[in-house]
Structure formats: C-alpha cells, structure tokens
PDB file of N, CA and C in Angstrom:
ATOM      1  N   MET A   1     -28.488  -2.036  21.463  1.00  0.00           N
ATOM      2  CA  MET A   1     -27.966  -1.164  22.485  1.00  0.00           C
ATOM      3  C   MET A   1     -27.435   0.022  21.880  1.00  0.00           C
ATOM      4  N   ASP A   2     -28.297   1.181  22.166  1.00  0.00           N
ATOM      5  CA  ASP A   2     -28.055   2.611  21.879  1.00  0.00           C
ATOM      6  C   ASP A   2     -27.075   3.243  22.596  1.00  0.00           C
ATOM      7  N   ALA A   3     -26.086   3.698  22.384  1.00  0.00           N
ATOM      8  CA  ALA A   3     -25.337   4.574  23.392  1.00  0.00           C
ATOM      9  C   ALA A   3     -24.547   5.896  22.449  1.00  0.00           C
ATOM     10  N   THR A   4     -24.767   6.745  23.548  1.00  0.00           N
ATOM     11  CA  THR A   4     -24.202   7.922  22.784  1.00  0.00           C
ATOM     12  C   THR A   4     -22.506   8.456  23.464  1.00  0.00           C
ATOM     13  N   ILE A   5     -21.805   8.656  22.497  1.00  0.00           N
ATOM     14  CA  ILE A   5     -20.356   9.139  22.707  1.00  0.00           C
ATOM     15  C   ILE A   5     -20.202  10.564  22.581  1.00  0.00           C
ATOM     16  N   ASN A   6     -19.809  11.355  23.594  1.00  0.00           N
ATOM     17  CA  ASN A   6     -19.742  12.872  23.600  1.00  0.00           C
ATOM     18  C   ASN A   6     -18.359  13.090  23.252  1.00  0.00           C
ATOM     19  N   ILE A   7     -17.728  13.375  22.216  1.00  0.00           N
ATOM     20  CA  ILE A   7     -16.479  13.984  21.541  1.00  0.00           C
ATOM     21  C   ILE A   7     -16.200  15.462  21.598  1.00  0.00           C
ATOM     22  N   THR A   8     -15.049  15.707  21.977  1.00  0.00           N
ATOM     23  CA  THR A   8     -14.945  17.224  22.070  1.00  0.00           C
ATOM     24  C   THR A   8     -13.570  17.386  21.160  1.00  0.00           C
ATOM     25  N   VAL A   9     -13.347  18.423  20.672  1.00  0.00           N
ATOM     26  CA  VAL A   9     -12.038  18.656  19.960  1.00  0.00           C
ATOM     27  C   VAL A   9     -11.665  20.206  20.434  1.00  0.00           C
ATOM     28  N   SER A  10     -10.154  20.304  20.594  1.00  0.00           N
ATOM     29  CA  SER A  10      -9.325  21.624  20.913  1.00  0.00           C
ATOM     30  C   SER A  10      -7.932  21.385  20.013  1.00  0.00           C
ATOM     31  N   ILE A  11      -7.705  22.337  19.286  1.00  0.00           N
ATOM     32  CA  ILE A  11      -6.894  22.537  18.239  1.00  0.00           C
ATOM     33  C   ILE A  11      -5.935  23.702  18.452  1.00  0.00           C
ATOM     34  N   GLY A  12      -4.750  23.532  18.560  1.00  0.00           N
ATOM     35  CA  GLY A  12      -3.628  24.602  18.529  1.00  0.00           C
ATOM     36  C   GLY A  12      -3.010  24.253  17.263  1.00  0.00           C
ATOM     37  N   VAL A  13      -2.784  26.009  16.703  1.00  0.00           N
ATOM     38  CA  VAL A  13      -1.985  26.204  15.399  1.00  0.00           C
ATOM     39  C   VAL A  13      -1.244  27.039  15.648  1.00  0.00           C
ATOM     40  N   THR A  14      -0.112  27.068  14.906  1.00  0.00           N
ATOM     41  CA  THR A  14       0.873  28.169  14.888  1.00  0.00           C
ATOM     42  C   THR A  14       1.481  27.861  13.429  1.00  0.00           C
ATOM     43  N   GLU A  15       2.367  28.830  12.746  1.00  0.00           N
ATOM     44  CA  GLU A  15       2.869  28.625  11.703  1.00  0.00           C
ATOM     45  C   GLU A  15       4.371  28.586  12.252  1.00  0.00           C
ATOM     46  N   VAL A  16       5.230  27.869  11.406  1.00  0.00           N
ATOM     47  CA  VAL A  16       6.527  27.773  11.504  1.00  0.00           C
ATOM     48  C   VAL A  16       7.197  28.818  10.945  1.00  0.00           C
ATOM     49  N   ARG A  17       8.005  29.687  11.639  1.00  0.00           N
ATOM     50  CA  ARG A  17       8.671  31.216  11.344  1.00  0.00           C
ATOM     51  C   ARG A  17      10.301  30.620  11.127  1.00  0.00           C
ATOM     52  N   LYS A  18      10.744  31.450  10.369  1.00  0.00           N
ATOM     53  CA  LYS A  18      12.283  31.320   9.995  1.00  0.00           C
ATOM     54  C   LYS A  18      12.943  31.605  11.408  1.00  0.00           C
ATOM     55  N   GLY A  19      13.710  30.466  11.457  1.00  0.00           N
ATOM     56  CA  GLY A  19      14.647  30.641  12.550  1.00  0.00           C
ATOM     57  C   GLY A  19      14.315  29.290  13.492  1.00  0.00           C
ATOM     58  N   ASP A  20      12.659  29.233  13.487  1.00  0.00           N
ATOM     59  CA  ASP A  20      12.000  28.376  14.571  1.00  0.00           C
ATOM     60  C   ASP A  20      12.866  27.152  14.436  1.00  0.00           C
ATOM     61  N   THR A  21      13.145  26.229  15.717  1.00  0.00           N
ATOM     62  CA  THR A  21      13.372  24.939  15.818  1.00  0.00           C
ATOM     63  C   THR A  21      11.874  24.081  16.001  1.00  0.00           C
ATOM     64  N   LEU A  22      12.093  22.782  15.504  1.00  0.00           N
ATOM     65  CA  LEU A  22      10.873  21.963  15.612  1.00  0.00           C
ATOM     66  C   LEU A  22      10.120  22.205  17.233  1.00  0.00           C
ATOM     67  N   GLU A  23      11.024  21.829  18.140  1.00  0.00           N
ATOM     68  CA  GLU A  23      10.749  21.959  19.773  1.00  0.00           C
ATOM     69  C   GLU A  23       9.807  23.592  20.063  1.00  0.00           C
ATOM     70  N   LEU A  24      10.549  24.477  19.329  1.00  0.00           N
ATOM     71  CA  LEU A  24       9.846  25.805  19.490  1.00  0.00           C
ATOM     72  C   LEU A  24       8.330  26.135  19.061  1.00  0.00           C
ATOM     73  N   ALA A  25       8.178  25.775  17.704  1.00  0.00           N
ATOM     74  CA  ALA A  25       7.288  25.487  17.023  1.00  0.00           C
ATOM     75  C   ALA A  25       6.020  24.688  17.641  1.00  0.00           C
ATOM     76  N   LEU A  26       6.593  23.524  18.235  1.00  0.00           N
ATOM     77  CA  LEU A  26       5.376  22.690  18.734  1.00  0.00           C
ATOM     78  C   LEU A  26       5.065  23.146  20.187  1.00  0.00           C
ATOM     79  N   ALA A  27       6.139  23.805  20.819  1.00  0.00           N
ATOM     80  CA  ALA A  27       5.420  24.803  22.023  1.00  0.00           C
ATOM     81  C   ALA A  27       4.517  25.696  22.010  1.00  0.00           C
ATOM     82  N   ARG A  28       4.886  26.194  20.931  1.00  0.00           N
ATOM     83  CA  ARG A  28       3.788  27.250  20.524  1.00  0.00           C
ATOM     84  C   ARG A  28       2.208  26.899  20.283  1.00  0.00           C
ATOM     85  N   ALA A  29       2.463  25.588  19.531  1.00  0.00           N
ATOM     86  CA  ALA A  29       0.710  24.937  19.412  1.00  0.00           C
ATOM     87  C   ALA A  29       0.477  24.453  20.644  1.00  0.00           C
ATOM     88  N   ASP A  30       1.317  23.762  21.239  1.00  0.00           N
ATOM     89  CA  ASP A  30       0.954  23.459  22.471  1.00  0.00           C
ATOM     90  C   ASP A  30       0.148  24.348  23.420  1.00  0.00           C
ATOM     91  N   ASP A  31       0.770  25.507  23.648  1.00  0.00           N
ATOM     92  CA  ASP A  31       0.159  26.700  24.353  1.00  0.00           C
ATOM     93  C   ASP A  31      -1.076  27.046  23.801  1.00  0.00           C
ATOM     94  N   ARG A  32      -1.133  26.792  22.345  1.00  0.00           N
ATOM     95  CA  ARG A  32      -2.385  27.430  21.887  1.00  0.00           C
ATOM     96  C   ARG A  32      -3.419  26.426  21.994  1.00  0.00           C
ATOM     97  N   LEU A  33      -3.122  24.972  22.147  1.00  0.00           N
ATOM     98  CA  LEU A  33      -3.752  23.889  22.343  1.00  0.00           C
ATOM     99  C   LEU A  33      -4.486  24.331  23.863  1.00  0.00           C
ATOM    100  N   TYR A  34      -3.681  24.289  24.879  1.00  0.00           N
ATOM    101  CA  TYR A  34      -4.171  24.501  26.265  1.00  0.00           C
ATOM    102  C   TYR A  34      -4.981  25.651  26.293  1.00  0.00           C
ATOM    103  N   SER A  35      -5.007  26.700  25.687  1.00  0.00           N
ATOM    104  CA  SER A  35      -5.707  28.103  25.581  1.00  0.00           C
ATOM    105  C   SER A  35      -6.937  27.676  25.297  1.00  0.00           C
ATOM    106  N   ALA A  36      -6.893  26.811  24.129  1.00  0.00           N
ATOM    107  CA  ALA A  36      -8.567  26.263  23.392  1.00  0.00           C
ATOM    108  C   ALA A  36      -9.185  25.676  24.347  1.00  0.00           C
ATOM    109  N   LYS A  37      -8.425  24.465  25.117  1.00  0.00           N
ATOM    110  CA  LYS A  37      -9.020  23.886  26.167  1.00  0.00           C
ATOM    111  C   LYS A  37      -9.830  24.419  27.435  1.00  0.00           C
ATOM    112  N   HIS A  38      -9.076  25.613  27.733  1.00  0.00           N
ATOM    113  CA  HIS A  38      -9.330  26.657  28.978  1.00  0.00           C
ATOM    114  C   HIS A  38     -10.395  27.364  28.459  1.00  0.00           C
ATOM    115  N   GLN A  39     -10.826  27.965  27.108  1.00  0.00           N
ATOM    116  CA  GLN A  39     -11.470  28.802  26.843  1.00  0.00           C
ATOM    117  C   GLN A  39     -13.047  28.015  26.547  1.00  0.00           C
ATOM    118  N   GLY A  40     -12.951  26.383  26.779  1.00  0.00           N
ATOM    119  CA  GLY A  40     -14.374  25.836  26.690  1.00  0.00           C
ATOM    120  C   GLY A  40     -14.148  24.725  25.803  1.00  0.00           C
ATOM    121  N   ARG A  41     -13.043  24.469  25.545  1.00  0.00           N
ATOM    122  CA  ARG A  41     -13.141  23.315  24.267  1.00  0.00           C
ATOM    123  C   ARG A  41     -13.988  23.284  23.227  1.00  0.00           C
ATOM    124  N   ASN A  42     -13.848  22.598  22.247  1.00  0.00           N
ATOM    125  CA  ASN A  42     -14.167  22.541  20.890  1.00  0.00           C
ATOM    126  C   ASN A  42     -13.993  23.844  20.285  1.00  0.00           C
ATOM    127  N   ARG A  43     -12.862  24.094  20.086  1.00  0.00           N
ATOM    128  CA  ARG A  43     -12.188  25.497  19.580  1.00  0.00           C
ATOM    129  C   ARG A  43     -11.184  24.983  19.171  1.00  0.00           C
ATOM    130  N   VAL A  44     -10.668  26.112  18.403  1.00  0.00           N
ATOM    131  CA  VAL A  44      -9.364  26.213  17.605  1.00  0.00           C
ATOM    132  C   VAL A  44      -8.812  27.585  17.908  1.00  0.00           C
ATOM    133  N   VAL A  45      -7.434  27.672  18.323  1.00  0.00           N
ATOM    134  CA  VAL A  45      -6.641  28.923  18.476  1.00  0.00           C
ATOM    135  C   VAL A  45      -5.546  28.537  17.886  1.00  0.00           C
ATOM    136  N   ALA A  46      -5.578  29.813  17.151  1.00  0.00           N
ATOM    137  CA  ALA A  46      -4.488  30.199  16.173  1.00  0.00           C
ATOM    138  C   ALA A  46      -3.714  31.164  16.292  1.00  0.00           C
ATOM    139  N   GLU A  47      -2.314  31.720  15.959  1.00  0.00           N
ATOM    140  CA  GLU A  47      -1.454  32.469  16.022  1.00  0.00           C
ATOM    141  C   GLU A  47      -1.580  33.084  15.151  1.00  0.00           C
TER     142      GLU A  47
END
C-alpha cells in the first residue's frame, strides 16, 4: 500500500536579548511562528 503524507514546516526564530525573560523571548518566537503560518507555511520568519 503506497501512501503519500504531506508535511509542512513553519518556524519562528528570535534571539534572546539582554534583559529578556524566557517568556518574552518565547512570545517573540511564537509571534514569528504565526507570521510564517499566515504567509503560506513552509517558511522561516526571523527577527
């Protein structure tokens, strides 16, 4: 039985800045992730 599985990848990237909390850095990366998904998926959005 042959089956095709389609996989998409969306990635949000940020750098941890001096004074950042973990929560703030993760929130920025999460914002970039959703930006990548809204731009058509299979993308990397970095700050």
